[in-house]
N, C-alpha and C. Protein backbone atom coordinates (compact mmCIF):
# COMPACT_ATOMS: atom_id res chain seq x y z
N MET A 1 35.47 0.36 3.00
CA MET A 1 34.42 0.89 2.16
C MET A 1 33.08 0.66 2.85
N THR A 2 32.30 1.71 3.01
CA THR A 2 31.01 1.58 3.67
C THR A 2 29.94 1.25 2.65
N ALA A 3 28.75 0.89 3.15
CA ALA A 3 27.65 0.54 2.25
C ALA A 3 27.20 1.74 1.43
N GLU A 4 27.39 2.97 1.98
CA GLU A 4 26.94 4.14 1.26
C GLU A 4 27.78 4.41 0.02
N ASN A 5 29.08 4.13 0.08
CA ASN A 5 29.90 4.42 -1.08
C ASN A 5 30.37 3.16 -1.79
N ALA A 6 29.65 2.05 -1.59
CA ALA A 6 29.96 0.83 -2.34
C ALA A 6 29.55 1.03 -3.78
N PRO A 7 30.27 0.47 -4.72
CA PRO A 7 29.91 0.62 -6.12
C PRO A 7 28.52 0.06 -6.40
N ALA A 8 27.84 0.68 -7.35
CA ALA A 8 26.47 0.28 -7.72
C ALA A 8 26.46 -1.02 -8.51
N THR A 9 27.64 -1.56 -8.83
CA THR A 9 27.70 -2.76 -9.64
C THR A 9 27.42 -4.02 -8.85
N GLY A 10 27.26 -3.91 -7.54
CA GLY A 10 26.91 -5.07 -6.74
C GLY A 10 28.07 -5.63 -5.96
N ALA A 11 29.14 -4.87 -5.80
CA ALA A 11 30.31 -5.39 -5.10
C ALA A 11 29.99 -5.70 -3.64
N ALA A 12 29.02 -5.03 -3.06
CA ALA A 12 28.70 -5.26 -1.66
C ALA A 12 27.64 -6.34 -1.48
N ASP A 13 27.21 -6.94 -2.57
CA ASP A 13 26.15 -7.93 -2.50
C ASP A 13 26.70 -9.26 -2.03
N GLY A 14 26.01 -9.86 -1.09
CA GLY A 14 26.44 -11.15 -0.56
C GLY A 14 25.50 -12.25 -0.98
N PRO A 15 25.70 -13.43 -0.44
CA PRO A 15 24.89 -14.57 -0.83
C PRO A 15 23.41 -14.39 -0.53
N GLY A 16 23.05 -13.65 0.49
CA GLY A 16 21.64 -13.49 0.85
C GLY A 16 21.01 -12.24 0.31
N SER A 17 21.66 -11.55 -0.62
CA SER A 17 21.17 -10.26 -1.07
C SER A 17 20.07 -10.35 -2.12
N GLY A 18 19.83 -11.53 -2.67
CA GLY A 18 18.81 -11.66 -3.70
C GLY A 18 19.38 -11.45 -5.08
N ILE A 19 20.66 -11.09 -5.18
CA ILE A 19 21.30 -10.90 -6.46
C ILE A 19 22.25 -12.06 -6.66
N GLY A 20 22.24 -12.63 -7.80
CA GLY A 20 23.16 -13.72 -8.05
C GLY A 20 22.74 -14.58 -9.20
N PRO A 21 23.38 -15.72 -9.34
CA PRO A 21 23.17 -16.54 -10.52
C PRO A 21 21.88 -17.35 -10.51
N THR A 22 21.12 -17.33 -9.44
CA THR A 22 19.92 -18.17 -9.42
C THR A 22 18.69 -17.38 -9.79
N ASN A 23 18.06 -17.83 -10.84
CA ASN A 23 16.77 -17.29 -11.27
C ASN A 23 15.78 -18.44 -11.30
N ARG A 24 15.98 -19.36 -10.39
CA ARG A 24 15.17 -20.57 -10.37
C ARG A 24 13.68 -20.30 -10.25
N PRO A 25 13.22 -19.37 -9.41
CA PRO A 25 11.76 -19.15 -9.33
C PRO A 25 11.15 -18.74 -10.67
N ASP A 26 11.84 -17.89 -11.43
CA ASP A 26 11.32 -17.50 -12.74
C ASP A 26 11.31 -18.68 -13.70
N LEU A 27 12.36 -19.46 -13.67
CA LEU A 27 12.45 -20.62 -14.55
C LEU A 27 11.35 -21.62 -14.23
N VAL A 28 11.16 -21.91 -12.95
CA VAL A 28 10.12 -22.86 -12.53
C VAL A 28 8.73 -22.32 -12.87
N ALA A 29 8.49 -21.05 -12.59
CA ALA A 29 7.18 -20.46 -12.90
C ALA A 29 6.92 -20.48 -14.40
N GLY A 30 7.93 -20.18 -15.19
CA GLY A 30 7.78 -20.20 -16.64
C GLY A 30 7.46 -21.58 -17.16
N LEU A 31 8.18 -22.57 -16.64
CA LEU A 31 7.93 -23.94 -17.09
C LEU A 31 6.57 -24.46 -16.62
N LEU A 32 6.16 -24.08 -15.40
CA LEU A 32 4.83 -24.48 -14.91
C LEU A 32 3.72 -23.82 -15.73
N ALA A 33 3.89 -22.54 -16.04
CA ALA A 33 2.89 -21.85 -16.86
C ALA A 33 2.80 -22.48 -18.24
N THR A 34 3.94 -22.82 -18.80
CA THR A 34 3.96 -23.47 -20.12
C THR A 34 3.25 -24.82 -20.06
N ALA A 35 3.55 -25.62 -19.04
CA ALA A 35 2.92 -26.92 -18.91
C ALA A 35 1.41 -26.79 -18.72
N LEU A 36 1.00 -25.84 -17.89
CA LEU A 36 -0.44 -25.62 -17.69
C LEU A 36 -1.10 -25.18 -18.99
N GLY A 37 -0.45 -24.29 -19.72
CA GLY A 37 -0.99 -23.84 -21.00
C GLY A 37 -1.14 -24.97 -21.99
N VAL A 38 -0.14 -25.84 -22.07
CA VAL A 38 -0.22 -27.00 -22.98
C VAL A 38 -1.38 -27.89 -22.56
N ALA A 39 -1.53 -28.12 -21.25
CA ALA A 39 -2.64 -28.96 -20.77
C ALA A 39 -3.98 -28.35 -21.13
N VAL A 40 -4.12 -27.04 -20.98
CA VAL A 40 -5.38 -26.37 -21.31
C VAL A 40 -5.66 -26.49 -22.80
N VAL A 41 -4.65 -26.22 -23.63
CA VAL A 41 -4.83 -26.29 -25.09
C VAL A 41 -5.22 -27.71 -25.50
N LEU A 42 -4.58 -28.71 -24.93
CA LEU A 42 -4.94 -30.09 -25.27
C LEU A 42 -6.34 -30.44 -24.79
N HIS A 43 -6.72 -29.94 -23.61
CA HIS A 43 -8.05 -30.24 -23.08
C HIS A 43 -9.16 -29.58 -23.90
N VAL A 44 -8.97 -28.34 -24.31
CA VAL A 44 -10.05 -27.65 -25.04
C VAL A 44 -10.24 -28.22 -26.43
N ARG A 45 -9.30 -29.01 -26.91
CA ARG A 45 -9.49 -29.65 -28.21
C ARG A 45 -10.62 -30.67 -28.16
N THR A 46 -11.00 -31.09 -26.94
CA THR A 46 -12.09 -32.06 -26.79
C THR A 46 -13.46 -31.37 -26.73
N PHE A 47 -13.48 -30.03 -26.65
CA PHE A 47 -14.74 -29.30 -26.57
C PHE A 47 -15.46 -29.38 -27.92
N PRO A 48 -16.79 -29.37 -27.88
CA PRO A 48 -17.54 -29.44 -29.14
C PRO A 48 -17.43 -28.12 -29.91
N GLY A 49 -17.50 -28.23 -31.23
CA GLY A 49 -17.49 -27.04 -32.07
C GLY A 49 -18.90 -26.61 -32.40
N LEU A 50 -19.03 -25.41 -32.91
CA LEU A 50 -20.33 -24.90 -33.32
C LEU A 50 -20.42 -24.94 -34.85
N PRO A 51 -21.63 -25.04 -35.37
CA PRO A 51 -21.78 -25.08 -36.83
C PRO A 51 -21.43 -23.72 -37.45
N ASP A 52 -21.17 -23.76 -38.72
CA ASP A 52 -20.90 -22.55 -39.52
C ASP A 52 -19.62 -21.84 -39.08
N GLY A 53 -18.72 -22.53 -38.44
CA GLY A 53 -17.43 -21.93 -38.07
C GLY A 53 -17.50 -20.87 -37.00
N GLN A 54 -18.59 -20.78 -36.27
CA GLN A 54 -18.69 -19.81 -35.19
C GLN A 54 -17.79 -20.24 -34.04
N PRO A 55 -17.25 -19.24 -33.30
CA PRO A 55 -16.41 -19.62 -32.16
C PRO A 55 -17.22 -20.41 -31.13
N GLY A 56 -16.64 -21.48 -30.66
CA GLY A 56 -17.32 -22.34 -29.71
C GLY A 56 -16.80 -22.13 -28.30
N PRO A 57 -17.14 -23.02 -27.41
CA PRO A 57 -16.75 -22.88 -26.01
C PRO A 57 -15.24 -23.03 -25.79
N ALA A 58 -14.51 -23.50 -26.78
CA ALA A 58 -13.06 -23.68 -26.62
C ALA A 58 -12.28 -22.41 -26.93
N LEU A 59 -12.92 -21.40 -27.48
CA LEU A 59 -12.20 -20.22 -27.94
C LEU A 59 -11.41 -19.53 -26.83
N PHE A 60 -12.08 -19.08 -25.80
CA PHE A 60 -11.40 -18.31 -24.76
C PHE A 60 -10.46 -19.16 -23.91
N PRO A 61 -10.86 -20.35 -23.48
CA PRO A 61 -9.87 -21.17 -22.76
C PRO A 61 -8.65 -21.49 -23.63
N GLY A 62 -8.88 -21.69 -24.93
CA GLY A 62 -7.77 -21.96 -25.83
C GLY A 62 -6.84 -20.76 -25.96
N LEU A 63 -7.43 -19.55 -26.03
CA LEU A 63 -6.61 -18.33 -26.07
C LEU A 63 -5.79 -18.18 -24.80
N VAL A 64 -6.43 -18.41 -23.66
CA VAL A 64 -5.71 -18.31 -22.38
C VAL A 64 -4.60 -19.35 -22.31
N GLY A 65 -4.89 -20.58 -22.74
CA GLY A 65 -3.87 -21.62 -22.75
C GLY A 65 -2.71 -21.26 -23.66
N GLY A 66 -3.01 -20.73 -24.84
CA GLY A 66 -1.96 -20.31 -25.75
C GLY A 66 -1.11 -19.19 -25.18
N LEU A 67 -1.76 -18.23 -24.52
CA LEU A 67 -1.01 -17.14 -23.89
C LEU A 67 -0.16 -17.65 -22.73
N LEU A 68 -0.67 -18.62 -21.98
CA LEU A 68 0.14 -19.23 -20.91
C LEU A 68 1.39 -19.88 -21.49
N VAL A 69 1.24 -20.59 -22.59
CA VAL A 69 2.40 -21.22 -23.23
C VAL A 69 3.39 -20.15 -23.68
N LEU A 70 2.88 -19.13 -24.38
CA LEU A 70 3.75 -18.08 -24.90
C LEU A 70 4.50 -17.36 -23.80
N PHE A 71 3.78 -16.86 -22.81
CA PHE A 71 4.43 -16.07 -21.76
C PHE A 71 5.24 -16.95 -20.81
N GLY A 72 4.83 -18.19 -20.62
CA GLY A 72 5.64 -19.11 -19.83
C GLY A 72 6.98 -19.37 -20.49
N LEU A 73 6.97 -19.56 -21.81
CA LEU A 73 8.22 -19.75 -22.53
C LEU A 73 9.10 -18.50 -22.48
N VAL A 74 8.47 -17.34 -22.63
CA VAL A 74 9.23 -16.08 -22.55
C VAL A 74 9.90 -15.97 -21.18
N LEU A 75 9.17 -16.25 -20.12
CA LEU A 75 9.73 -16.16 -18.77
C LEU A 75 10.86 -17.17 -18.57
N ALA A 76 10.67 -18.39 -19.04
CA ALA A 76 11.71 -19.41 -18.88
C ALA A 76 12.96 -19.06 -19.68
N VAL A 77 12.78 -18.58 -20.90
CA VAL A 77 13.94 -18.23 -21.74
C VAL A 77 14.67 -17.03 -21.13
N ARG A 78 13.92 -16.03 -20.69
CA ARG A 78 14.57 -14.87 -20.05
C ARG A 78 15.35 -15.28 -18.82
N SER A 79 14.81 -16.21 -18.06
CA SER A 79 15.50 -16.69 -16.88
C SER A 79 16.79 -17.41 -17.26
N ALA A 80 16.73 -18.23 -18.31
CA ALA A 80 17.92 -18.94 -18.75
C ALA A 80 18.98 -17.97 -19.27
N VAL A 81 18.55 -16.95 -20.00
CA VAL A 81 19.51 -15.94 -20.50
C VAL A 81 20.14 -15.20 -19.33
N ARG A 82 19.35 -14.84 -18.33
CA ARG A 82 19.90 -14.15 -17.15
C ARG A 82 20.89 -15.03 -16.40
N ARG A 83 20.62 -16.30 -16.35
CA ARG A 83 21.55 -17.22 -15.68
C ARG A 83 22.90 -17.23 -16.39
N ARG A 84 22.86 -17.21 -17.71
CA ARG A 84 24.12 -17.17 -18.47
C ARG A 84 24.84 -15.85 -18.25
N GLU A 85 24.09 -14.75 -18.25
CA GLU A 85 24.71 -13.45 -18.00
C GLU A 85 25.32 -13.40 -16.61
N ASP A 86 24.61 -13.96 -15.62
CA ASP A 86 25.13 -13.99 -14.25
C ASP A 86 26.40 -14.83 -14.18
N ALA A 87 26.40 -15.94 -14.89
CA ALA A 87 27.58 -16.79 -14.88
C ALA A 87 28.76 -16.09 -15.54
N ALA A 88 28.48 -15.18 -16.48
CA ALA A 88 29.55 -14.44 -17.15
C ALA A 88 29.98 -13.21 -16.36
N GLY A 89 29.34 -12.95 -15.23
CA GLY A 89 29.76 -11.85 -14.38
C GLY A 89 28.83 -10.65 -14.35
N ALA A 90 27.77 -10.68 -15.14
CA ALA A 90 26.82 -9.57 -15.11
C ALA A 90 25.99 -9.65 -13.84
N GLN A 91 25.53 -8.51 -13.35
CA GLN A 91 24.73 -8.47 -12.14
C GLN A 91 23.25 -8.43 -12.48
N ASP A 92 22.45 -9.06 -11.64
CA ASP A 92 21.01 -9.10 -11.81
C ASP A 92 20.36 -8.12 -10.86
N VAL A 93 19.21 -7.62 -11.24
CA VAL A 93 18.45 -6.72 -10.38
C VAL A 93 17.71 -7.58 -9.36
N PRO A 94 17.75 -7.21 -8.08
CA PRO A 94 17.06 -8.04 -7.09
C PRO A 94 15.56 -8.06 -7.32
N PRO A 95 14.92 -9.20 -7.08
CA PRO A 95 13.48 -9.27 -7.27
C PRO A 95 12.76 -8.45 -6.21
N ASP A 96 11.57 -8.01 -6.57
CA ASP A 96 10.75 -7.25 -5.63
C ASP A 96 10.03 -8.24 -4.73
N SER A 97 10.58 -8.48 -3.56
CA SER A 97 9.95 -9.45 -2.66
C SER A 97 9.71 -8.81 -1.30
N THR A 98 9.10 -7.64 -1.34
CA THR A 98 8.75 -6.98 -0.10
C THR A 98 7.51 -7.64 0.48
N PRO A 99 7.26 -7.44 1.77
CA PRO A 99 6.02 -7.99 2.34
C PRO A 99 4.76 -7.51 1.59
N ARG A 100 4.79 -6.28 1.12
CA ARG A 100 3.63 -5.74 0.39
C ARG A 100 3.41 -6.49 -0.92
N SER A 101 4.50 -6.78 -1.64
CA SER A 101 4.35 -7.49 -2.91
C SER A 101 3.86 -8.91 -2.68
N ARG A 102 4.27 -9.52 -1.59
CA ARG A 102 3.78 -10.87 -1.26
C ARG A 102 2.28 -10.82 -0.94
N LEU A 103 1.88 -9.80 -0.20
CA LEU A 103 0.46 -9.64 0.12
C LEU A 103 -0.35 -9.43 -1.15
N ASN A 104 0.16 -8.64 -2.08
CA ASN A 104 -0.54 -8.41 -3.35
C ASN A 104 -0.70 -9.71 -4.13
N ALA A 105 0.35 -10.52 -4.17
CA ALA A 105 0.27 -11.80 -4.87
C ALA A 105 -0.77 -12.71 -4.21
N LEU A 106 -0.77 -12.74 -2.89
CA LEU A 106 -1.77 -13.55 -2.18
C LEU A 106 -3.18 -13.02 -2.40
N ALA A 107 -3.31 -11.70 -2.52
CA ALA A 107 -4.63 -11.10 -2.77
C ALA A 107 -5.18 -11.54 -4.13
N VAL A 108 -4.33 -11.60 -5.13
CA VAL A 108 -4.77 -12.05 -6.46
C VAL A 108 -5.20 -13.52 -6.39
N LEU A 109 -4.41 -14.33 -5.72
CA LEU A 109 -4.80 -15.74 -5.57
C LEU A 109 -6.09 -15.87 -4.75
N GLY A 110 -6.22 -15.07 -3.71
CA GLY A 110 -7.44 -15.07 -2.91
C GLY A 110 -8.66 -14.66 -3.72
N TYR A 111 -8.47 -13.68 -4.62
CA TYR A 111 -9.56 -13.25 -5.50
C TYR A 111 -10.03 -14.42 -6.34
N ILE A 112 -9.10 -15.17 -6.91
CA ILE A 112 -9.46 -16.30 -7.77
C ILE A 112 -10.22 -17.36 -6.97
N VAL A 113 -9.73 -17.68 -5.79
CA VAL A 113 -10.40 -18.69 -4.95
C VAL A 113 -11.78 -18.20 -4.53
N ALA A 114 -11.89 -16.94 -4.12
CA ALA A 114 -13.18 -16.40 -3.71
C ALA A 114 -14.17 -16.40 -4.87
N TYR A 115 -13.70 -16.05 -6.07
CA TYR A 115 -14.60 -16.07 -7.22
C TYR A 115 -15.10 -17.49 -7.48
N LEU A 116 -14.20 -18.46 -7.44
CA LEU A 116 -14.61 -19.85 -7.68
C LEU A 116 -15.62 -20.34 -6.66
N LEU A 117 -15.48 -19.90 -5.42
CA LEU A 117 -16.39 -20.33 -4.36
C LEU A 117 -17.73 -19.59 -4.40
N LEU A 118 -17.73 -18.34 -4.84
CA LEU A 118 -18.93 -17.50 -4.74
C LEU A 118 -19.72 -17.33 -6.03
N ALA A 119 -19.11 -17.55 -7.18
CA ALA A 119 -19.77 -17.22 -8.45
C ALA A 119 -21.07 -17.99 -8.64
N ASP A 120 -21.08 -19.27 -8.36
CA ASP A 120 -22.31 -20.05 -8.55
C ASP A 120 -23.36 -19.68 -7.51
N LEU A 121 -22.92 -19.28 -6.33
CA LEU A 121 -23.85 -18.93 -5.25
C LEU A 121 -24.47 -17.55 -5.46
N LEU A 122 -23.64 -16.55 -5.77
CA LEU A 122 -24.12 -15.17 -5.88
C LEU A 122 -24.35 -14.71 -7.32
N GLY A 123 -23.74 -15.38 -8.27
CA GLY A 123 -23.83 -14.96 -9.66
C GLY A 123 -22.60 -14.15 -10.04
N PHE A 124 -22.41 -14.01 -11.35
CA PHE A 124 -21.22 -13.35 -11.86
C PHE A 124 -21.10 -11.90 -11.39
N ALA A 125 -22.13 -11.12 -11.62
CA ALA A 125 -22.06 -9.68 -11.33
C ALA A 125 -21.91 -9.40 -9.85
N LEU A 126 -22.69 -10.10 -9.01
CA LEU A 126 -22.62 -9.85 -7.57
C LEU A 126 -21.33 -10.38 -6.94
N THR A 127 -20.61 -11.23 -7.66
CA THR A 127 -19.32 -11.72 -7.18
C THR A 127 -18.19 -10.86 -7.73
N THR A 128 -18.23 -10.59 -9.01
CA THR A 128 -17.12 -9.93 -9.68
C THR A 128 -16.93 -8.49 -9.24
N ALA A 129 -17.99 -7.70 -9.23
CA ALA A 129 -17.83 -6.27 -8.91
C ALA A 129 -17.24 -6.04 -7.52
N PRO A 130 -17.79 -6.64 -6.47
CA PRO A 130 -17.17 -6.41 -5.15
C PRO A 130 -15.75 -6.95 -5.03
N LEU A 131 -15.50 -8.13 -5.61
CA LEU A 131 -14.15 -8.68 -5.53
C LEU A 131 -13.15 -7.84 -6.31
N LEU A 132 -13.54 -7.36 -7.48
CA LEU A 132 -12.65 -6.47 -8.24
C LEU A 132 -12.38 -5.19 -7.45
N PHE A 133 -13.41 -4.63 -6.85
CA PHE A 133 -13.22 -3.42 -6.05
C PHE A 133 -12.23 -3.69 -4.92
N LEU A 134 -12.44 -4.77 -4.18
CA LEU A 134 -11.54 -5.07 -3.06
C LEU A 134 -10.11 -5.30 -3.51
N LEU A 135 -9.95 -6.01 -4.61
CA LEU A 135 -8.61 -6.28 -5.12
C LEU A 135 -7.91 -4.99 -5.55
N MET A 136 -8.61 -4.16 -6.30
CA MET A 136 -8.01 -2.90 -6.75
C MET A 136 -7.69 -2.00 -5.57
N TRP A 137 -8.58 -1.95 -4.62
CA TRP A 137 -8.37 -1.10 -3.44
C TRP A 137 -7.14 -1.58 -2.67
N LEU A 138 -7.04 -2.90 -2.50
CA LEU A 138 -5.88 -3.46 -1.81
C LEU A 138 -4.59 -3.20 -2.57
N LEU A 139 -4.64 -3.16 -3.89
CA LEU A 139 -3.46 -2.91 -4.70
C LEU A 139 -3.12 -1.42 -4.80
N GLY A 140 -3.88 -0.58 -4.12
CA GLY A 140 -3.52 0.83 -4.02
C GLY A 140 -4.29 1.79 -4.90
N VAL A 141 -5.34 1.33 -5.55
CA VAL A 141 -6.16 2.20 -6.38
C VAL A 141 -7.09 3.01 -5.47
N ARG A 142 -7.29 4.27 -5.80
CA ARG A 142 -8.22 5.10 -5.01
C ARG A 142 -9.59 4.44 -4.98
N PRO A 143 -10.29 4.53 -3.85
CA PRO A 143 -11.58 3.82 -3.73
C PRO A 143 -12.60 4.19 -4.81
N TRP A 144 -12.72 5.46 -5.14
CA TRP A 144 -13.72 5.84 -6.14
C TRP A 144 -13.33 5.32 -7.53
N VAL A 145 -12.05 5.30 -7.83
CA VAL A 145 -11.59 4.77 -9.12
C VAL A 145 -11.80 3.25 -9.14
N ALA A 146 -11.50 2.60 -8.03
CA ALA A 146 -11.69 1.16 -7.93
C ALA A 146 -13.17 0.80 -8.10
N ALA A 147 -14.05 1.57 -7.47
CA ALA A 147 -15.49 1.29 -7.57
C ALA A 147 -15.99 1.48 -9.00
N LEU A 148 -15.62 2.58 -9.62
CA LEU A 148 -16.06 2.82 -11.01
C LEU A 148 -15.48 1.78 -11.96
N SER A 149 -14.23 1.44 -11.77
CA SER A 149 -13.59 0.45 -12.64
C SER A 149 -14.21 -0.93 -12.45
N ALA A 150 -14.49 -1.30 -11.23
CA ALA A 150 -15.08 -2.61 -10.96
C ALA A 150 -16.46 -2.73 -11.59
N VAL A 151 -17.28 -1.70 -11.44
CA VAL A 151 -18.62 -1.73 -12.02
C VAL A 151 -18.54 -1.71 -13.54
N ALA A 152 -17.71 -0.84 -14.10
CA ALA A 152 -17.58 -0.75 -15.56
C ALA A 152 -17.06 -2.05 -16.15
N THR A 153 -16.08 -2.65 -15.52
CA THR A 153 -15.53 -3.91 -16.02
C THR A 153 -16.57 -5.01 -15.96
N THR A 154 -17.30 -5.08 -14.87
CA THR A 154 -18.33 -6.11 -14.72
C THR A 154 -19.41 -5.94 -15.79
N VAL A 155 -19.88 -4.72 -15.98
CA VAL A 155 -20.92 -4.46 -16.99
C VAL A 155 -20.39 -4.80 -18.39
N LEU A 156 -19.17 -4.41 -18.68
CA LEU A 156 -18.58 -4.68 -19.99
C LEU A 156 -18.47 -6.18 -20.25
N VAL A 157 -18.02 -6.93 -19.25
CA VAL A 157 -17.88 -8.39 -19.42
C VAL A 157 -19.26 -9.03 -19.58
N VAL A 158 -20.24 -8.60 -18.81
CA VAL A 158 -21.59 -9.16 -18.93
C VAL A 158 -22.14 -8.88 -20.33
N LEU A 159 -22.01 -7.64 -20.78
CA LEU A 159 -22.51 -7.30 -22.12
C LEU A 159 -21.79 -8.09 -23.20
N MET A 160 -20.48 -8.18 -23.07
CA MET A 160 -19.70 -8.85 -24.11
C MET A 160 -20.03 -10.35 -24.15
N PHE A 161 -20.05 -10.99 -23.00
CA PHE A 161 -20.25 -12.43 -23.00
C PHE A 161 -21.71 -12.81 -23.20
N GLN A 162 -22.61 -12.20 -22.43
CA GLN A 162 -24.01 -12.62 -22.52
C GLN A 162 -24.72 -12.07 -23.75
N GLN A 163 -24.47 -10.85 -24.12
CA GLN A 163 -25.20 -10.25 -25.22
C GLN A 163 -24.53 -10.49 -26.58
N LEU A 164 -23.23 -10.26 -26.63
CA LEU A 164 -22.53 -10.36 -27.91
C LEU A 164 -22.14 -11.79 -28.26
N LEU A 165 -21.52 -12.50 -27.32
CA LEU A 165 -21.03 -13.85 -27.60
C LEU A 165 -22.01 -14.94 -27.21
N LEU A 166 -23.09 -14.56 -26.52
CA LEU A 166 -24.12 -15.50 -26.08
C LEU A 166 -23.56 -16.62 -25.20
N VAL A 167 -22.62 -16.25 -24.35
CA VAL A 167 -22.03 -17.20 -23.41
C VAL A 167 -22.69 -16.95 -22.05
N PRO A 168 -23.36 -17.94 -21.50
CA PRO A 168 -24.02 -17.72 -20.21
C PRO A 168 -23.00 -17.58 -19.08
N LEU A 169 -23.27 -16.66 -18.21
CA LEU A 169 -22.47 -16.45 -17.00
C LEU A 169 -23.29 -16.92 -15.81
N PRO A 170 -22.64 -17.27 -14.70
CA PRO A 170 -23.40 -17.72 -13.53
C PRO A 170 -24.39 -16.65 -13.08
N THR A 171 -25.62 -17.07 -12.82
CA THR A 171 -26.62 -16.15 -12.31
C THR A 171 -26.88 -16.45 -10.84
N GLY A 172 -27.10 -15.43 -10.09
CA GLY A 172 -27.32 -15.59 -8.67
C GLY A 172 -28.78 -15.45 -8.30
N PRO A 173 -29.05 -15.19 -7.05
CA PRO A 173 -30.44 -15.10 -6.59
C PRO A 173 -31.21 -13.93 -7.20
N LEU A 174 -30.51 -12.90 -7.64
CA LEU A 174 -31.17 -11.75 -8.26
C LEU A 174 -31.23 -11.87 -9.77
N GLY A 175 -30.76 -12.97 -10.32
CA GLY A 175 -30.80 -13.18 -11.76
C GLY A 175 -29.69 -12.46 -12.51
N VAL A 176 -28.67 -11.99 -11.80
CA VAL A 176 -27.53 -11.32 -12.47
C VAL A 176 -26.25 -12.05 -12.18
């Protein structure tokens, strides 16, 4: 039987094919996300509250922490369910681990590191718009769409946080 006419059920899959009973990366990522989310939720409980029940500085970090817990648990549970299905003989879909997908993941991490290093120096707007453009462009978005989206997103976040929620964002040398 050649590879072209092998059954689609995975009969030709070997130990190095990426298909099999191990979903350890998803399980570990899910548990790490859950632990990080719990740590964030516990930490933001120490933030001061605002009078009259207005949302305080803990609102958004608390939401992010809660979402990390929720989605981390979903990922871990799905991984555990897949492990049981694999053990019962069901086949798993191979993960997308092409060089391009690895580069995209590194680009997202690079964006986060670059923002942390540049935001206080250049300010929110001068850091966010170019970094968003570069990230979207690298992820395959057309340059003009990436540029419009980056500017629109930056303006929307500035208006929402600074004007509506009165949350200060880092200002740079131009005051933006």
